[in-house]
N, C-alpha and C. Protein backbone atom coordinates (compact mmCIF):
# COMPACT_ATOMS: atom_id res chain seq x y z
N UNK A 1 -4.16 -8.13 14.96
CA UNK A 1 -5.44 -8.57 14.86
C UNK A 1 -5.99 -8.53 13.24
N UNK A 2 -5.91 -9.68 12.27
CA UNK A 2 -5.87 -9.01 11.13
C UNK A 2 -6.77 -8.12 10.99
N UNK A 3 -6.40 -7.58 9.68
CA UNK A 3 -7.44 -6.88 9.46
C UNK A 3 -8.65 -7.50 7.81
N UNK A 4 -7.30 -7.71 6.84
CA UNK A 4 -7.48 -9.06 5.30
C UNK A 4 -6.56 -9.28 5.77
N UNK A 5 -7.83 -10.75 4.94
CA UNK A 5 -6.68 -11.95 5.58
C UNK A 5 -6.58 -12.24 3.51
N UNK A 6 -6.06 -12.99 3.33
CA UNK A 6 -5.95 -14.09 2.14
C UNK A 6 -5.49 -15.22 2.36
N UNK A 7 -5.24 -15.86 0.99
CA UNK A 7 -4.79 -17.54 0.86
C UNK A 7 -3.16 -18.24 1.89
N UNK A 8 -2.99 -16.56 1.09
CA UNK A 8 -1.22 -16.01 1.67
C UNK A 8 -0.76 -15.94 2.68
N UNK A 9 -2.17 -14.89 3.24
CA UNK A 9 -1.50 -13.58 3.76
C UNK A 9 -2.23 -12.69 4.66
N UNK A 10 -1.91 -11.89 5.67
CA UNK A 10 -2.12 -12.09 6.66
C UNK A 10 -2.06 -10.30 7.09
N UNK A 11 -3.00 -9.19 6.79
CA UNK A 11 -2.63 -8.25 6.62
C UNK A 11 -3.18 -6.91 8.30
N UNK A 12 -2.35 -7.03 8.76
CA UNK A 12 -3.12 -6.22 10.01
C UNK A 12 -2.44 -5.00 10.37
N UNK A 13 -2.55 -4.45 11.84
CA UNK A 13 -2.53 -2.56 12.10
C UNK A 13 -1.00 -2.78 12.00
N UNK A 14 -0.18 -2.02 11.57
CA UNK A 14 1.29 -1.64 11.97
C UNK A 14 1.13 -1.48 13.84
N UNK A 15 2.58 -1.46 14.05
CA UNK A 15 2.41 -0.94 15.28
C UNK A 15 3.25 -0.47 15.95
N UNK A 16 4.50 0.28 16.67
CA UNK A 16 5.30 1.07 17.19
C UNK A 16 6.38 0.09 17.48
N UNK A 17 6.41 -1.56 17.80
CA UNK A 17 7.17 -2.14 17.93
C UNK A 17 7.56 -3.05 16.54
N UNK A 18 6.98 -2.89 15.30
CA UNK A 18 7.46 -3.45 14.40
C UNK A 18 8.51 -2.08 13.80
N UNK A 19 8.83 -1.36 14.09
CA UNK A 19 10.11 -0.27 14.29
C UNK A 19 10.56 -0.76 13.44
N UNK A 20 11.45 -1.77 13.67
CA UNK A 20 12.96 -2.64 13.26
C UNK A 20 12.06 -2.72 12.13
N UNK A 21 11.41 -3.71 11.93
CA UNK A 21 11.08 -5.16 10.53
C UNK A 21 11.25 -3.23 9.73
N UNK A 22 10.57 -2.44 9.61
CA UNK A 22 9.71 -1.71 8.87
C UNK A 22 11.76 -0.51 8.29
N UNK A 23 11.90 -0.57 9.25
CA UNK A 23 13.31 0.33 9.06
C UNK A 23 14.34 -0.35 8.60
N UNK A 24 14.38 -1.59 8.67
CA UNK A 24 14.98 -2.50 7.65
C UNK A 24 14.68 -3.17 5.74
N UNK A 25 13.40 -3.13 6.14
CA UNK A 25 12.54 -3.09 4.70
C UNK A 25 12.91 -1.47 4.15
N UNK A 26 12.53 -0.73 4.87
CA UNK A 26 13.03 1.08 3.94
C UNK A 26 14.48 0.91 3.53
N UNK A 27 15.57 -0.06 4.73
CA UNK A 27 16.58 0.47 3.95
C UNK A 27 17.62 -0.22 2.89
N UNK A 28 16.81 -0.23 2.17
CA UNK A 28 16.83 -1.40 0.80
C UNK A 28 16.93 -0.52 0.22
N UNK A 29 17.75 -0.42 -0.82
CA UNK A 29 17.72 0.66 -1.15
C UNK A 29 16.67 0.21 -2.50
N UNK A 30 16.78 -0.92 -3.54
CA UNK A 30 16.15 -1.15 -3.89
C UNK A 30 14.97 -1.53 -3.90
N UNK A 31 14.56 -2.36 -3.20
CA UNK A 31 12.67 -1.99 -1.89
C UNK A 31 11.98 -0.46 -1.97
N UNK A 32 13.46 0.33 -2.56
CA UNK A 32 12.79 1.51 -1.90
C UNK A 32 13.33 2.49 -3.71
N UNK A 33 13.61 2.66 -3.98
CA UNK A 33 13.75 2.83 -5.27
C UNK A 33 13.10 3.68 -5.99
N UNK A 34 11.87 3.64 -5.90
CA UNK A 34 10.31 4.15 -6.59
C UNK A 34 9.68 4.64 -5.38
N UNK A 35 10.08 5.73 -4.01
CA UNK A 35 9.45 5.30 -3.08
C UNK A 35 10.01 6.63 -2.34
N UNK A 36 9.66 7.33 -1.53
CA UNK A 36 10.21 7.88 -1.12
C UNK A 36 11.49 8.70 0.04
N UNK A 37 12.22 9.59 0.54
CA UNK A 37 13.49 8.46 1.14
C UNK A 37 12.99 8.10 2.53
N UNK A 38 13.83 7.25 2.90
CA UNK A 38 13.39 6.34 4.08
C UNK A 38 13.77 7.01 5.13
N UNK A 39 12.91 6.23 6.84
CA UNK A 39 13.28 6.91 7.88
C UNK A 39 14.61 7.14 8.32
N UNK A 40 15.11 8.40 8.56
CA UNK A 40 16.84 8.32 9.60
C UNK A 40 17.00 6.99 10.76
N UNK A 41 16.17 6.52 10.66
CA UNK A 41 15.72 6.02 12.62
C UNK A 41 15.26 4.71 12.32
N UNK A 42 15.27 4.04 13.42
CA UNK A 42 14.61 2.67 13.76
C UNK A 42 13.30 4.02 14.60
N UNK A 43 13.87 4.26 15.48
CA UNK A 43 13.19 5.45 16.13
C UNK A 43 12.35 6.03 15.77
N UNK A 44 12.76 6.93 14.36
CA UNK A 44 11.68 7.79 13.71
C UNK A 44 10.36 6.71 12.93
N UNK A 45 11.08 5.96 12.06
CA UNK A 45 10.10 5.01 12.02
C UNK A 45 8.80 4.07 13.12
N UNK A 46 9.79 3.83 14.44
CA UNK A 46 8.39 3.78 15.18
C UNK A 46 7.55 5.17 15.58
N UNK A 47 7.96 6.47 15.55
CA UNK A 47 7.35 7.28 15.52
C UNK A 47 5.98 7.82 14.60
N UNK A 48 6.69 7.25 12.93
CA UNK A 48 5.78 7.28 12.21
C UNK A 48 4.65 6.25 12.19
N UNK A 49 5.17 5.75 12.39
CA UNK A 49 4.07 4.18 12.93
C UNK A 49 2.85 4.39 13.60
N UNK A 50 3.39 4.92 14.83
CA UNK A 50 2.28 5.24 15.75
C UNK A 50 1.39 7.04 15.24
N UNK A 51 1.93 7.99 14.61
CA UNK A 51 1.02 9.26 13.95
C UNK A 51 0.14 7.70 13.18
N UNK A 52 1.16 7.24 11.97
CA UNK A 52 -0.40 6.44 10.74
C UNK A 52 -1.28 5.87 11.68
N UNK A 53 -1.35 5.39 12.89
CA UNK A 53 -2.10 5.01 13.25
C UNK A 53 -3.16 6.21 13.46
N UNK A 54 -2.69 6.87 14.70
CA UNK A 54 -3.74 8.26 15.10
C UNK A 54 -4.86 8.33 13.63
N UNK A 55 -3.80 8.82 12.37
CA UNK A 55 -4.34 9.48 11.63
C UNK A 55 -5.30 9.06 10.49
N UNK A 56 -4.31 7.67 10.51
CA UNK A 56 -4.90 6.89 8.74
C UNK A 56 -6.18 5.96 10.68
N UNK A 57 -5.56 4.52 10.75
CA UNK A 57 -5.95 3.53 11.75
C UNK A 57 -7.59 4.50 12.44
N UNK A 58 -7.28 5.05 12.91
CA UNK A 58 -8.30 5.89 14.01
C UNK A 58 -9.44 6.59 14.12
N UNK A 59 -9.03 7.59 12.01
CA UNK A 59 -9.63 8.53 12.13
C UNK A 59 -10.40 7.79 10.83
N UNK A 60 -9.90 7.50 9.33
CA UNK A 60 -10.32 5.93 8.68
C UNK A 60 -10.83 5.11 8.63
N UNK A 61 -9.89 4.40 9.51
CA UNK A 61 -11.03 3.35 9.88
C UNK A 61 -10.05 2.48 8.59
N UNK A 62 -8.69 2.66 8.29
CA UNK A 62 -7.45 1.98 7.59
C UNK A 62 -6.67 2.79 7.11
N UNK A 63 -5.87 2.25 6.23
CA UNK A 63 -4.13 2.25 6.27
C UNK A 63 -3.66 1.69 5.30
N UNK A 64 -2.32 2.19 6.17
CA UNK A 64 -1.38 1.18 5.16
C UNK A 64 -1.35 -0.54 6.47
N UNK A 65 -1.23 -0.93 5.99
CA UNK A 65 -1.43 -1.93 6.98
C UNK A 65 0.65 -3.31 6.95
N UNK A 66 0.45 -3.61 8.12
CA UNK A 66 1.76 -5.49 7.77
C UNK A 66 1.24 -6.23 7.03
N UNK A 67 1.90 -6.98 6.34
CA UNK A 67 1.38 -7.68 5.17
C UNK A 67 2.88 -9.02 5.70
N UNK A 68 2.52 -9.79 6.35
CA UNK A 68 2.97 -11.35 6.89
C UNK A 68 2.36 -12.35 6.27
N UNK A 69 3.16 -13.20 5.67
CA UNK A 69 3.30 -14.24 5.24
C UNK A 69 2.81 -15.79 6.18
N UNK A 70 0.84 -15.53 5.69
CA UNK A 70 1.23 -16.91 7.16
C UNK A 70 1.45 -18.23 7.93
N UNK A 71 1.71 -18.13 8.38
CA UNK A 71 2.71 -19.42 9.50
C UNK A 71 4.23 -19.23 10.10
N UNK A 72 4.04 -17.12 9.58
CA UNK A 72 5.26 -16.28 10.27
C UNK A 72 4.44 -15.39 10.90
N UNK A 73 5.72 -14.76 11.57
CA UNK A 73 5.33 -13.88 12.54
C UNK A 73 6.23 -12.28 11.68
N UNK A 74 7.19 -12.95 10.12
CA UNK A 74 8.36 -11.63 9.98
C UNK A 74 7.35 -10.36 8.81
N UNK A 75 7.52 -9.56 8.86
CA UNK A 75 6.16 -8.21 8.38
C UNK A 75 7.33 -9.16 6.82
N UNK A 76 6.38 -9.17 6.04
CA UNK A 76 7.14 -9.53 4.26
C UNK A 76 7.03 -7.14 3.77
N UNK A 77 6.34 -6.77 4.12
CA UNK A 77 5.79 -5.81 3.37
C UNK A 77 4.69 -4.78 3.23
N UNK A 78 4.18 -4.40 3.33
CA UNK A 78 2.78 -3.30 3.79
C UNK A 78 2.41 -2.85 2.93
N UNK A 79 0.59 -2.57 2.58
CA UNK A 79 0.20 -2.53 1.62
C UNK A 79 -1.32 -1.56 1.99
N UNK A 80 -2.12 -1.44 1.28
CA UNK A 80 -2.92 -0.26 1.81
C UNK A 80 -3.60 0.32 1.62
N UNK A 81 -4.50 1.61 2.10
CA UNK A 81 -4.74 2.33 1.24
C UNK A 81 -4.71 3.63 2.46
N UNK A 82 -4.05 4.34 1.18
CA UNK A 82 -3.58 6.70 1.68
C UNK A 82 -4.95 7.89 1.20
N UNK A 83 -5.23 8.56 1.45
CA UNK A 83 -5.30 9.12 0.91
C UNK A 83 -4.78 10.69 0.01
N UNK A 84 -5.61 11.67 -0.50
CA UNK A 84 -4.59 11.72 -1.25
C UNK A 84 -5.49 13.05 -1.99
N UNK A 85 -4.54 14.44 -3.08
CA UNK A 85 -5.35 14.72 -3.44
C UNK A 85 -6.17 15.06 -5.20
N UNK A 86 -6.30 14.80 -6.37
CA UNK A 86 -6.50 14.88 -7.14
C UNK A 86 -7.41 15.43 -7.35
N UNK A 87 -6.60 16.83 -8.51
CA UNK A 87 -7.33 18.11 -8.65
C UNK A 87 -8.20 18.98 -7.63
N UNK A 88 -7.95 18.91 -6.66
CA UNK A 88 -8.40 19.58 -5.09
C UNK A 88 -9.24 18.94 -5.06
N UNK A 89 -9.43 17.28 -5.27
CA UNK A 89 -10.81 16.40 -4.58
C UNK A 89 -9.97 15.40 -3.87
N UNK A 90 -10.41 15.52 -2.28
CA UNK A 90 -9.46 13.97 -1.70
C UNK A 90 -9.97 12.46 -2.90
N UNK A 91 -8.91 11.57 -2.56
CA UNK A 91 -9.52 10.43 -2.63
C UNK A 91 -8.40 9.69 -2.34
N UNK A 92 -8.34 8.11 -2.91
CA UNK A 92 -8.55 6.54 -1.96
C UNK A 92 -6.95 6.04 -2.77
N UNK A 93 -6.21 5.96 -2.78
CA UNK A 93 -5.27 5.40 -3.06
C UNK A 93 -4.75 4.46 -2.35
N UNK A 94 -3.97 2.99 -3.59
CA UNK A 94 -4.04 1.50 -3.22
C UNK A 94 -2.12 1.55 -2.91
N UNK A 95 -1.81 1.10 -2.00
CA UNK A 95 0.18 1.43 -2.24
C UNK A 95 0.43 -0.22 -1.43
N UNK A 96 0.99 -0.37 -2.45
CA UNK A 96 1.74 -1.60 -2.28
C UNK A 96 3.09 -1.94 -1.77
N UNK A 97 4.19 -2.14 -0.88
CA UNK A 97 4.92 -2.78 -0.67
C UNK A 97 6.44 -3.94 -0.81
N UNK A 98 6.81 -4.80 -1.57
CA UNK A 98 7.19 -5.61 -0.71
C UNK A 98 8.68 -5.62 -0.79
N UNK A 99 9.09 -6.77 0.78
CA UNK A 99 10.75 -6.54 0.27
C UNK A 99 11.35 -6.89 -0.55
N UNK A 100 12.00 -7.22 -0.85
CA UNK A 100 12.85 -7.73 -2.24
C UNK A 100 13.18 -9.45 -2.14
N UNK A 101 13.20 -9.54 -0.58
CA UNK A 101 13.28 -10.86 -0.76
C UNK A 101 11.71 -11.62 -0.66
N UNK A 102 10.86 -10.92 -1.27
CA UNK A 102 8.87 -11.34 -1.01
C UNK A 102 8.97 -11.58 -2.92
N UNK A 103 9.58 -10.46 -3.72
CA UNK A 103 9.68 -10.16 -4.82
C UNK A 103 9.38 -11.82 -5.97
N UNK A 104 8.18 -11.32 -6.32
CA UNK A 104 8.22 -12.60 -7.48
C UNK A 104 7.52 -14.53 -6.97
N UNK A 105 6.54 -13.76 -6.09
CA UNK A 105 6.25 -14.96 -5.46
C UNK A 105 3.79 -14.14 -5.92
N UNK A 106 3.98 -13.44 -5.99
CA UNK A 106 2.30 -12.85 -6.61
C UNK A 106 1.71 -12.02 -5.39
N UNK A 107 2.98 -12.41 -3.87
CA UNK A 107 2.30 -11.63 -2.70
C UNK A 107 1.60 -9.91 -3.09
N UNK A 108 2.83 -9.75 -4.11
CA UNK A 108 1.94 -7.31 -4.14
C UNK A 108 0.96 -8.06 -4.76
N UNK A 109 1.03 -9.32 -5.87
CA UNK A 109 -0.68 -8.70 -6.39
C UNK A 109 -2.17 -9.56 -5.38
N UNK A 110 -1.51 -9.89 -4.65
CA UNK A 110 -2.19 -10.85 -3.67
C UNK A 110 -2.72 -9.77 -2.62
N UNK A 111 -2.04 -9.47 -2.02
CA UNK A 111 -2.21 -8.69 -0.53
C UNK A 111 -2.80 -7.53 -1.48
N UNK A 112 -2.76 -6.46 -2.71
CA UNK A 112 -3.17 -5.73 -3.17
C UNK A 112 -5.10 -6.16 -3.13
N UNK A 113 -5.16 -7.38 -3.90
CA UNK A 113 -6.44 -7.67 -3.94
C UNK A 113 -6.83 -7.86 -2.50
N UNK A 114 -6.53 -8.01 -1.87
CA UNK A 114 -7.69 -8.57 -0.78
C UNK A 114 -7.41 -6.96 -0.22
N UNK A 115 -6.45 -5.72 -0.89
CA UNK A 115 -7.34 -4.75 0.04
C UNK A 115 -8.17 -4.61 -0.68
N UNK A 116 -7.69 -3.93 -2.31
CA UNK A 116 -9.12 -4.16 -3.13
C UNK A 116 -10.31 -4.51 -2.39
N UNK A 117 -10.52 -6.28 -2.17
CA UNK A 117 -11.97 -6.32 -1.52
C UNK A 117 -12.05 -5.40 0.04
N UNK A 118 -11.76 -5.01 0.51
CA UNK A 118 -12.30 -4.28 1.86
C UNK A 118 -11.90 -2.95 1.07
N UNK A 119 -12.34 -2.70 -0.12
CA UNK A 119 -11.91 -1.48 -0.34
C UNK A 119 -13.59 -1.22 -0.97
N UNK A 120 -14.06 -2.17 -1.40
CA UNK A 120 -15.19 -1.80 -1.86
C UNK A 120 -15.76 -2.91 -1.72
N UNK A 121 -16.26 -3.78 -0.86
CA UNK A 121 -16.78 -4.40 -0.14
C UNK A 121 -17.38 -3.54 1.54
N UNK A 122 -16.13 -3.40 2.54
CA UNK A 122 -15.84 -3.11 3.25
C UNK A 122 -16.96 -1.80 3.34
N UNK A 123 -15.86 -1.04 2.57
CA UNK A 123 -15.22 0.67 3.12
C UNK A 123 -16.67 1.35 1.78
N UNK A 124 -17.35 0.29 0.66
CA UNK A 124 -17.87 0.80 -0.23
C UNK A 124 -17.25 2.05 -0.53
N UNK A 125 -16.06 2.56 -1.18
CA UNK A 125 -16.25 3.27 -1.83
C UNK A 125 -16.15 3.06 -3.52
N UNK A 126 -16.00 3.92 -4.15
CA UNK A 126 -16.37 3.87 -5.67
C UNK A 126 -15.21 3.96 -6.30
N UNK A 127 -13.91 4.26 -5.96
CA UNK A 127 -12.97 4.30 -6.69
C UNK A 127 -11.53 3.83 -5.81
N UNK A 128 -11.03 3.13 -6.60
CA UNK A 128 -8.67 3.98 -6.52
C UNK A 128 -7.97 4.28 -7.77
N UNK A 129 -7.66 4.55 -6.98
CA UNK A 129 -6.30 5.20 -7.40
C UNK A 129 -5.22 4.31 -7.20
N UNK A 130 -3.61 4.43 -8.16
CA UNK A 130 -2.57 3.82 -7.88
C UNK A 130 -1.72 5.33 -8.30
N UNK A 131 -1.00 4.86 -7.85
CA UNK A 131 0.23 6.06 -8.15
C UNK A 131 0.66 5.58 -8.21
N UNK A 132 2.00 5.78 -10.02
CA UNK A 132 3.04 4.39 -9.94
C UNK A 132 3.99 5.69 -11.14
N UNK A 133 5.95 4.85 -9.83
CA UNK A 133 5.97 6.13 -10.95
C UNK A 133 6.52 5.72 -12.29
N UNK A 134 6.44 6.22 -13.17
CA UNK A 134 6.50 6.00 -14.72
C UNK A 134 7.66 4.28 -15.28
N UNK A 135 8.82 4.14 -14.00
CA UNK A 135 10.00 3.29 -14.38
C UNK A 135 9.44 2.33 -13.84
N UNK A 136 8.32 1.56 -12.61
CA UNK A 136 8.39 0.79 -12.63
C UNK A 136 6.94 -0.02 -12.57
N UNK A 137 7.92 -0.54 -13.50
CA UNK A 137 6.19 -2.00 -14.74
C UNK A 137 6.37 -2.88 -13.63
N UNK A 138 6.88 -3.41 -12.67
CA UNK A 138 6.10 -3.99 -11.78
C UNK A 138 5.35 -3.90 -11.33
N UNK A 139 5.35 -3.07 -10.47
CA UNK A 139 3.83 -2.04 -9.86
C UNK A 139 2.57 -2.07 -11.36
N UNK A 140 2.79 -1.69 -12.06
CA UNK A 140 2.11 -1.08 -12.96
C UNK A 140 1.34 -2.77 -13.82
N UNK A 141 1.97 -3.75 -13.38
CA UNK A 141 1.58 -5.37 -14.12
C UNK A 141 0.41 -6.23 -12.99
N UNK A 142 0.84 -5.91 -11.62
CA UNK A 142 0.08 -5.21 -10.85
C UNK A 142 -0.93 -4.62 -10.97
N UNK A 143 -0.70 -3.70 -11.07
CA UNK A 143 -1.88 -2.90 -10.88
C UNK A 143 -3.48 -2.42 -12.08
N UNK A 144 -2.27 -3.77 -13.33
CA UNK A 144 -3.05 -3.80 -14.28
C UNK A 144 -3.37 -5.84 -14.27
N UNK A 145 -3.13 -6.48 -13.17
CA UNK A 145 -3.56 -7.52 -12.87
C UNK A 145 -4.53 -7.90 -12.13
N UNK A 146 -5.13 -6.03 -11.71
CA UNK A 146 -6.25 -5.40 -10.77
C UNK A 146 -7.69 -5.42 -11.01
N UNK A 147 -6.89 -5.63 -13.19
CA UNK A 147 -8.48 -4.00 -13.53
C UNK A 147 -8.66 -2.64 -13.99
N UNK A 148 -6.95 -2.09 -13.13
CA UNK A 148 -7.13 -0.22 -13.21
C UNK A 148 -6.21 -0.37 -14.17
N UNK A 149 -7.32 1.02 -15.12
CA UNK A 149 -6.92 1.29 -15.71
C UNK A 149 -5.97 2.53 -16.05
N UNK A 150 -5.55 2.87 -16.97
CA UNK A 150 -4.77 4.00 -17.02
C UNK A 150 -5.12 5.09 -17.03
N UNK A 151 -4.55 5.95 -16.44
CA UNK A 151 -5.67 7.69 -16.40
C UNK A 151 -4.71 8.49 -16.43
N UNK A 152 -3.77 8.11 -16.99
CA UNK A 152 -2.59 9.50 -17.49
C UNK A 152 -1.91 10.05 -16.88
N UNK A 153 -1.31 10.61 -16.09
CA UNK A 153 -0.30 11.08 -15.57
C UNK A 153 -0.71 12.08 -15.00
N UNK A 154 0.16 12.38 -13.65
CA UNK A 154 -0.82 13.99 -12.85
C UNK A 154 0.91 14.32 -11.94
N UNK A 155 1.08 15.40 -11.72
CA UNK A 155 2.39 15.64 -10.78
C UNK A 155 1.91 14.68 -9.26
N UNK A 156 3.28 14.53 -8.66
CA UNK A 156 2.46 14.09 -7.02
C UNK A 156 3.50 13.92 -6.05
N UNK A 157 3.36 14.74 -5.09
CA UNK A 157 4.66 15.37 -3.98
C UNK A 157 5.98 15.65 -5.05
N UNK A 158 6.18 15.21 -3.78
CA UNK A 158 8.25 15.51 -4.37
C UNK A 158 8.93 13.99 -6.31
N UNK A 159 7.86 13.28 -6.12
CA UNK A 159 7.94 12.12 -7.23
C UNK A 159 7.98 13.15 -8.71
N UNK A 160 7.68 14.02 -8.90
CA UNK A 160 6.83 14.54 -10.27
C UNK A 160 6.16 13.92 -10.06
N UNK A 161 5.68 13.58 -12.13
CA UNK A 161 4.91 12.77 -12.39
C UNK A 161 5.03 11.91 -13.15
N UNK A 162 3.63 11.40 -12.13
CA UNK A 162 3.74 9.91 -12.00
C UNK A 162 2.47 9.44 -13.46
N UNK A 163 2.20 7.92 -13.49
CA UNK A 163 1.31 7.34 -14.04
C UNK A 163 0.14 7.01 -12.77
N UNK A 164 -1.00 7.95 -13.80
CA UNK A 164 -2.44 7.20 -12.37
C UNK A 164 -3.25 6.47 -12.43
N UNK A 165 -3.44 5.68 -12.21
CA UNK A 165 -4.27 3.88 -12.48
C UNK A 165 -5.37 3.95 -11.55
N UNK A 166 -6.94 3.42 -12.84
CA UNK A 166 -8.28 4.45 -11.60
C UNK A 166 -8.78 2.79 -12.39
N UNK A 167 -9.09 2.72 -10.92
CA UNK A 167 -10.15 1.53 -10.68
C UNK A 167 -11.79 1.43 -10.34
N UNK A 168 -12.45 1.77 -10.66
CA UNK A 168 -14.14 2.21 -10.15
C UNK A 168 -14.97 0.77 -9.67
N UNK A 169 -15.50 0.80 -8.40
CA UNK A 169 -16.24 -0.12 -8.32
C UNK A 169 -17.57 -0.84 -9.35
N UNK A 170 -17.87 -1.98 -9.62
CA UNK A 170 -18.55 -2.36 -10.28
C UNK A 170 -19.66 -3.39 -9.55
N UNK A 171 -20.64 -3.75 -10.31
CA UNK A 171 -21.77 -4.42 -9.38
C UNK A 171 -20.70 -6.09 -8.22
N UNK A 172 -20.17 -6.08 -9.08
CA UNK A 172 -19.01 -7.70 -8.94
C UNK A 172 -18.81 -7.62 -7.36
N UNK A 173 -18.04 -6.24 -7.11
CA UNK A 173 -16.86 -5.51 -6.39
C UNK A 173 -17.81 -5.85 -4.95
N UNK A 174 -19.08 -5.44 -4.83
CA UNK A 174 -19.95 -5.05 -3.78
C UNK A 174 -20.01 -5.97 -2.74
């Protein structure tokens, strides 16, 4: 079932059966250059998806969703919302990752734009953040296209110092 739909994409909940495709996506070193360690197996990824569904979809009403090109059943990435702490305050992060074969088509901006609309329109969140590795210029360009502004740098998990981008909800987003 689609959670977010754009002109060319459908974003839907991930299910454990998506473990193989997500494992394949996470196994590409170029795709994962600015991400954490990949799962060790398809089984581990399927279990990760099941835990994510419980922690996010069931409890928060959002999470990371499969990105599927319309007219196809193939997952080309994942995009969605995650919780994180910023200066001991809970916040919401927008996150996007596409398979290398899908880069350069505007899919990341389109998927993230759909998630942005969901976050501000449906969830009525006041702000979103993007946490981006300093060397990940394509991801910075996606954030900037979606009107996120630089908000400094923060230390984040195992990634060390990352660039923080912020976008507040405006009347036009409601």
